[in-house]
């Protein structure tokens, strides 16, 4: 059984990934920690509570960071054109959800949970890496106690999606991402190299909704705005970014990868760019030296991933 903390900014593809984690029989979802990104942290937390209630998820929700780790970066507009004004595709979501929030801030929830299950917890982070960086800053020893960190973010051999060189989650807090990538724990990076070629069509999701229960029907409804946004790059479908990271937890054999030290560019025109120094390649001394070797996914069996998502969501 995989013990998972899901660090997320719901978010449409975040919602699909949450339902996958909730329903997969090999995953024990220990908690949901929220972060700003697809909307404000107040909105992403409200959305997480709403999905917890609607989908009868037992795991607690803990509210996390609402600003970048260094507090100096200017606020950017929320990506409403992607996820809707309310982060969940503009479906009807109440302003407040009568579900309690864990009293601890997300980074403290992460620390406490990891220390309660040493060597067992897998952090699945699909938003900005701020909560993870804050946890490391407060308690660096957790890097030796986490089983691994699986993130959705970054891009290495393909273009970015918010700039020519940067992916949104990393670009949203590059300093935090660099802290996470260079910490002495195992990080698996599920980036645009694999997620941008893993798409689900509107009809495929609609077929799932026709067969599935109310949870899948709700997922179908909240995904329509997101699918409309992707019309510029996907033919009547959407990229399932965050679910790919969750699939890796239970089916890593569907991915191919390289290893190497990773750094994140902080500032300038390449702000948020993720750069790997592949193991076995020799370069003059540089800023990648002496850092942990991380796992960078560069290939994916997309059709099998999509089918596993479908089978898991329909197995209720």
Protein backbone atom coordinates (compact mmCIF):
# COMPACT_ATOMS: atom_id res chain seq x y z
CA UNK A 1 0.00 0.00 0.00
CA UNK A 2 1.38 3.41 -1.00
CA UNK A 3 0.94 6.07 1.68
CA UNK A 4 0.42 9.37 -0.15
CA UNK A 5 0.16 13.03 0.76
CA UNK A 6 -1.33 14.90 -2.19
CA UNK A 7 -0.08 18.49 -2.50
CA UNK A 8 -2.37 20.25 -4.94
CA UNK A 9 -4.02 23.44 -6.23
CA UNK A 10 -7.45 22.28 -7.52
CA UNK A 11 -7.65 22.85 -10.47
CA UNK A 12 -9.38 20.65 -13.02
CA UNK A 13 -6.65 18.11 -13.77
CA UNK A 14 -5.91 18.16 -10.02
CA UNK A 15 -9.48 16.97 -9.44
CA UNK A 16 -9.11 13.99 -11.77
CA UNK A 17 -5.85 13.07 -10.05
CA UNK A 18 -7.51 13.32 -6.62
CA UNK A 19 -10.29 10.96 -7.64
CA UNK A 20 -7.66 8.54 -8.99
CA UNK A 21 -5.77 8.60 -5.69
CA UNK A 22 -9.00 8.17 -3.73
CA UNK A 23 -10.16 5.19 -5.77
CA UNK A 24 -6.98 3.24 -6.50
CA UNK A 25 -6.91 0.16 -4.25
CA UNK A 26 -3.14 0.36 -3.68
CA UNK A 27 -3.16 3.97 -2.42
CA UNK A 28 -3.73 5.07 1.16
CA UNK A 29 -4.41 8.80 0.91
CA UNK A 30 -3.13 10.27 4.18
CA UNK A 31 -3.87 13.90 3.48
CA UNK A 32 -4.54 16.67 0.96
CA UNK A 33 -2.43 19.82 1.29
CA UNK A 34 -3.35 22.89 -0.72
CA UNK A 35 -1.25 25.60 -2.33
CA UNK A 36 -1.88 28.68 -4.45
CA UNK A 37 -1.52 28.31 -8.21
CA UNK A 38 -4.56 27.58 -10.35
CA UNK A 39 -6.37 30.01 -8.03
CA UNK A 40 -5.74 31.67 -4.67
CA UNK A 41 -5.03 29.31 -1.77
CA UNK A 42 -8.39 30.26 -0.28
CA UNK A 43 -10.10 29.08 -3.46
CA UNK A 44 -7.98 25.95 -3.94
CA UNK A 45 -8.62 24.97 -0.32
CA UNK A 46 -12.36 25.55 -0.74
CA UNK A 47 -12.22 23.40 -3.88
CA UNK A 48 -10.37 20.61 -2.08
CA UNK A 49 -12.98 20.65 0.70
CA UNK A 50 -15.78 20.60 -1.87
CA UNK A 51 -14.30 17.57 -3.66
CA UNK A 52 -13.64 15.85 -0.32
CA UNK A 53 -17.30 16.28 0.57
CA UNK A 54 -18.74 15.38 -2.83
CA UNK A 55 -16.54 12.32 -3.23
CA UNK A 56 -16.68 11.19 0.39
CA UNK A 57 -12.89 11.30 0.86
CA UNK A 58 -11.74 10.56 4.40
CA UNK A 59 -8.32 12.23 4.14
CA UNK A 60 -7.97 15.58 5.94
CA UNK A 61 -7.39 18.83 4.05
CA UNK A 62 -4.67 21.22 5.25
CA UNK A 63 -4.37 24.76 3.90
CA UNK A 64 -0.92 25.71 2.66
CA UNK A 65 1.05 28.56 1.19
CA UNK A 66 -0.59 31.52 -0.49
CA UNK A 67 2.57 33.31 -1.64
CA UNK A 68 5.99 32.35 -2.98
CA UNK A 69 8.61 31.20 -0.52
CA UNK A 70 10.71 34.37 -0.75
CA UNK A 71 7.68 36.74 -0.62
CA UNK A 72 9.33 39.07 -3.13
CA UNK A 73 7.79 37.91 -6.37
CA UNK A 74 4.98 39.99 -7.83
CA UNK A 75 1.50 38.50 -7.81
CA UNK A 76 0.42 37.10 -11.15
CA UNK A 77 -3.12 36.78 -12.44
CA UNK A 78 -4.75 33.41 -11.77
CA UNK A 79 -5.10 31.26 -14.92
CA UNK A 80 -8.89 31.58 -15.13
CA UNK A 81 -8.80 30.98 -18.88
CA UNK A 82 -7.54 27.45 -18.11
CA UNK A 83 -9.37 26.39 -14.95
CA UNK A 84 -12.24 28.89 -14.81
CA UNK A 85 -12.80 31.77 -12.41
CA UNK A 86 -13.40 29.38 -9.51
CA UNK A 87 -10.65 26.87 -10.36
CA UNK A 88 -13.14 24.09 -11.11
CA UNK A 89 -14.25 24.95 -14.61
CA UNK A 90 -16.95 27.39 -13.45
CA UNK A 91 -19.30 24.67 -12.20
CA UNK A 92 -21.47 25.68 -9.24
CA UNK A 93 -19.35 25.52 -6.08
CA UNK A 94 -20.59 27.04 -2.80
CA UNK A 95 -18.67 30.00 -1.41
CA UNK A 96 -18.05 28.08 1.79
CA UNK A 97 -18.02 24.33 2.39
CA UNK A 98 -19.01 23.06 5.81
CA UNK A 99 -16.10 20.64 6.14
CA UNK A 100 -13.38 21.24 8.74
CA UNK A 101 -9.81 22.06 7.75
CA UNK A 102 -6.89 20.49 9.60
CA UNK A 103 -5.65 23.17 12.02
CA UNK A 104 -2.00 22.77 10.98
CA UNK A 105 -0.53 24.66 8.02
CA UNK A 106 0.27 22.33 5.14
CA UNK A 107 4.04 22.26 5.66
CA UNK A 108 3.54 21.28 9.31
CA UNK A 109 1.01 18.62 8.32
CA UNK A 110 3.62 17.21 5.93
CA UNK A 111 6.32 17.18 8.62
CA UNK A 112 4.10 15.55 11.25
CA UNK A 113 2.76 12.91 8.87
CA UNK A 114 6.18 12.00 7.51
CA UNK A 115 7.55 11.67 11.03
CA UNK A 116 4.61 9.45 11.98
CA UNK A 117 5.38 7.09 9.05
CA UNK A 118 9.18 7.22 8.58
CA UNK A 119 10.32 5.81 5.25
CA UNK A 120 6.78 5.23 3.99
CA UNK A 121 5.24 8.51 2.82
CA UNK A 122 5.25 9.47 -0.84
CA UNK A 123 4.69 13.17 -1.50
CA UNK A 124 2.76 13.67 -4.74
CA UNK A 125 3.02 17.38 -5.54
CA UNK A 126 1.17 18.72 -8.58
CA UNK A 127 1.22 22.47 -7.94
CA UNK A 128 3.84 24.98 -6.91
CA UNK A 129 6.48 23.45 -4.65
CA UNK A 130 6.11 26.05 -1.89
CA UNK A 131 4.69 23.75 0.81
CA UNK A 132 7.44 21.18 0.28
CA UNK A 133 10.16 23.84 0.42
CA UNK A 134 8.67 25.28 3.62
CA UNK A 135 8.62 21.80 5.19
CA UNK A 136 12.29 21.31 4.29
CA UNK A 137 13.17 24.73 5.66
CA UNK A 138 11.49 24.03 9.01
CA UNK A 139 12.62 20.40 9.34
CA UNK A 140 15.42 19.46 6.91
CA UNK A 141 15.60 15.94 8.33
CA UNK A 142 12.33 14.96 6.65
CA UNK A 143 14.32 14.57 3.42
CA UNK A 144 15.77 11.40 4.95
CA UNK A 145 12.37 10.17 6.15
CA UNK A 146 10.25 10.55 2.99
CA UNK A 147 10.05 7.53 0.69
CA UNK A 148 10.07 9.76 -2.39
CA UNK A 149 8.63 12.89 -3.97
CA UNK A 150 6.72 12.60 -7.25
CA UNK A 151 6.05 15.97 -8.83
CA UNK A 152 4.14 17.19 -11.85
CA UNK A 153 6.20 20.03 -13.16
CA UNK A 154 9.09 21.09 -15.30
CA UNK A 155 10.17 20.47 -18.86
CA UNK A 156 13.54 19.38 -20.21
CA UNK A 157 13.49 18.50 -23.92
CA UNK A 158 10.20 20.17 -24.91
CA UNK A 159 9.03 23.81 -24.70
CA UNK A 160 7.37 25.25 -21.62
CA UNK A 161 3.70 26.21 -21.34
CA UNK A 162 3.98 29.65 -19.68
CA UNK A 163 7.16 30.74 -21.43
CA UNK A 164 9.30 29.16 -24.13
CA UNK A 165 11.40 27.50 -21.41
CA UNK A 166 9.21 27.18 -18.29
CA UNK A 167 6.32 25.05 -17.04
CA UNK A 168 3.62 26.68 -14.90
CA UNK A 169 4.11 24.90 -11.56
CA UNK A 170 7.85 25.56 -11.52
CA UNK A 171 7.53 29.08 -12.93
CA UNK A 172 5.05 29.93 -10.16
CA UNK A 173 7.73 29.58 -7.45
CA UNK A 174 11.15 28.80 -8.95
CA UNK A 175 13.04 29.30 -5.68
CA UNK A 176 10.87 26.69 -3.96
CA UNK A 177 11.29 24.29 -6.87
CA UNK A 178 15.08 24.62 -6.74
CA UNK A 179 15.03 23.83 -3.02
CA UNK A 180 12.96 20.71 -3.68
CA UNK A 181 15.08 19.51 -6.63
CA UNK A 182 18.38 19.89 -4.75
CA UNK A 183 17.31 18.41 -1.40
CA UNK A 184 18.74 15.00 -0.42
CA UNK A 185 15.59 13.03 -1.17
CA UNK A 186 14.48 11.12 -4.27
CA UNK A 187 12.47 13.29 -6.65
CA UNK A 188 10.69 11.87 -9.68
CA UNK A 189 9.88 14.63 -12.17
CA UNK A 190 6.80 14.07 -14.33
CA UNK A 191 6.97 17.06 -16.63
CA UNK A 192 5.68 18.30 -19.95
CA UNK A 193 8.00 15.85 -21.75
CA UNK A 194 5.43 13.16 -20.91
CA UNK A 195 2.24 14.96 -19.83
CA UNK A 196 1.88 17.06 -22.98
CA UNK A 197 1.57 13.89 -25.06
CA UNK A 198 -0.91 12.21 -22.72
CA UNK A 199 -4.39 13.42 -23.59
CA UNK A 200 -7.97 12.38 -22.92
CA UNK A 201 -10.65 13.24 -25.45
CA UNK A 202 -13.99 14.77 -24.55
CA UNK A 203 -15.78 11.68 -25.87
CA UNK A 204 -13.55 9.32 -23.86
CA UNK A 205 -14.31 11.24 -20.66
CA UNK A 206 -17.97 11.41 -21.64
CA UNK A 207 -18.01 7.65 -22.08
CA UNK A 208 -16.54 7.29 -18.60
CA UNK A 209 -19.23 9.57 -17.19
CA UNK A 210 -21.97 7.56 -18.88
CA UNK A 211 -20.71 4.37 -17.23
CA UNK A 212 -19.59 5.89 -13.94
CA UNK A 213 -21.24 7.15 -10.79
CA UNK A 214 -21.94 10.70 -9.65
CA UNK A 215 -18.28 11.36 -8.91
CA UNK A 216 -17.25 10.67 -12.50
CA UNK A 217 -20.19 12.69 -13.80
CA UNK A 218 -19.07 15.64 -11.66
CA UNK A 219 -15.54 15.24 -12.99
CA UNK A 220 -16.87 15.30 -16.55
CA UNK A 221 -18.86 18.47 -15.86
CA UNK A 222 -15.99 20.40 -14.27
CA UNK A 223 -13.61 19.38 -17.10
CA UNK A 224 -15.54 20.94 -19.99
CA UNK A 225 -14.11 24.47 -19.63
CA UNK A 226 -10.60 22.96 -19.42
CA UNK A 227 -11.17 20.94 -22.59
CA UNK A 228 -12.38 24.09 -24.37
CA UNK A 229 -9.16 25.86 -23.35
CA UNK A 230 -7.03 23.11 -24.90
CA UNK A 231 -8.66 23.48 -28.33
CA UNK A 232 -5.51 25.29 -29.52
CA UNK A 233 -3.30 22.24 -28.97
CA UNK A 234 -5.47 19.16 -28.43
CA UNK A 235 -8.26 18.05 -30.74
CA UNK A 236 -11.38 18.12 -28.53
CA UNK A 237 -9.57 16.85 -25.45
CA UNK A 238 -7.24 17.77 -22.60
CA UNK A 239 -3.82 17.00 -21.23
CA UNK A 240 -4.07 15.01 -17.99
CA UNK A 241 -0.93 16.47 -16.42
CA UNK A 242 -1.50 15.75 -12.74
CA UNK A 243 -2.96 12.28 -13.14
CA UNK A 244 0.27 11.18 -14.83
CA UNK A 245 2.16 11.81 -11.59
CA UNK A 246 -0.39 9.75 -9.67
CA UNK A 247 -0.18 6.90 -12.17
CA UNK A 248 3.59 6.82 -11.68
CA UNK A 249 3.05 5.95 -8.02
CA UNK A 250 1.33 2.67 -8.89
CA UNK A 251 2.68 1.93 -12.38
CA UNK A 252 6.22 3.30 -12.85
CA UNK A 253 6.81 0.68 -15.54
CA UNK A 254 4.69 2.80 -17.91
CA UNK A 255 7.41 5.49 -17.89
CA UNK A 256 10.99 5.67 -19.14
CA UNK A 257 13.47 8.01 -17.54
CA UNK A 258 16.97 9.37 -17.20
CA UNK A 259 18.76 10.46 -14.02
CA UNK A 260 20.76 13.51 -13.12
CA UNK A 261 21.08 16.58 -10.93
CA UNK A 262 18.43 19.24 -11.56
CA UNK A 263 18.56 23.00 -11.07
CA UNK A 264 15.88 25.62 -11.58
CA UNK A 265 16.66 29.03 -13.06
CA UNK A 266 15.50 31.83 -10.74
CA UNK A 267 15.13 35.16 -12.53
CA UNK A 268 15.73 36.60 -15.99
CA UNK A 269 14.21 35.54 -19.28
CA UNK A 270 14.67 31.84 -18.41
CA UNK A 271 12.88 32.20 -15.04
CA UNK A 272 11.52 28.78 -14.00
CA UNK A 273 13.49 26.72 -16.50
CA UNK A 274 14.40 23.23 -15.26
CA UNK A 275 17.81 21.96 -16.38
CA UNK A 276 19.18 18.45 -15.83
CA UNK A 277 22.83 17.45 -15.88
CA UNK A 278 22.47 13.84 -17.06
CA UNK A 279 24.42 11.28 -15.10
CA UNK A 280 27.47 10.07 -17.01
CA UNK A 281 27.95 13.34 -18.93
CA UNK A 282 31.11 15.25 -18.09
CA UNK A 283 31.15 19.03 -17.87
CA UNK A 284 33.47 21.59 -16.31
CA UNK A 285 32.75 22.36 -12.64
CA UNK A 286 29.33 23.97 -12.22
CA UNK A 287 26.21 24.51 -10.13
CA UNK A 288 24.98 20.93 -10.59
CA UNK A 289 28.01 19.36 -8.90
CA UNK A 290 27.56 17.40 -5.69
CA UNK A 291 23.78 17.44 -5.85
CA UNK A 292 21.48 14.41 -5.63
CA UNK A 293 20.65 12.55 -8.81
CA UNK A 294 16.92 12.77 -9.52
CA UNK A 295 14.66 10.82 -11.88
CA UNK A 296 13.45 12.67 -14.99
CA UNK A 297 10.69 10.98 -16.95
CA UNK A 298 11.22 11.35 -20.69
CA UNK A 299 8.90 8.68 -22.10
CA UNK A 300 5.40 7.40 -21.35
CA UNK A 301 2.99 4.73 -22.59
CA UNK A 302 0.19 7.26 -22.88
CA UNK A 303 -2.62 4.95 -23.98
CA UNK A 304 -2.01 2.56 -21.10
CA UNK A 305 -1.89 5.49 -18.67
CA UNK A 306 -5.24 6.83 -19.90
CA UNK A 307 -6.81 3.39 -19.70
CA UNK A 308 -5.52 2.90 -16.14
CA UNK A 309 -7.07 6.22 -15.13
CA UNK A 310 -10.39 5.15 -16.66
CA UNK A 311 -10.37 1.70 -15.07
CA UNK A 312 -9.53 3.16 -11.65
CA UNK A 313 -12.20 5.85 -11.75
CA UNK A 314 -14.86 3.37 -12.87
CA UNK A 315 -13.96 0.76 -10.26
CA UNK A 316 -16.05 2.35 -7.51
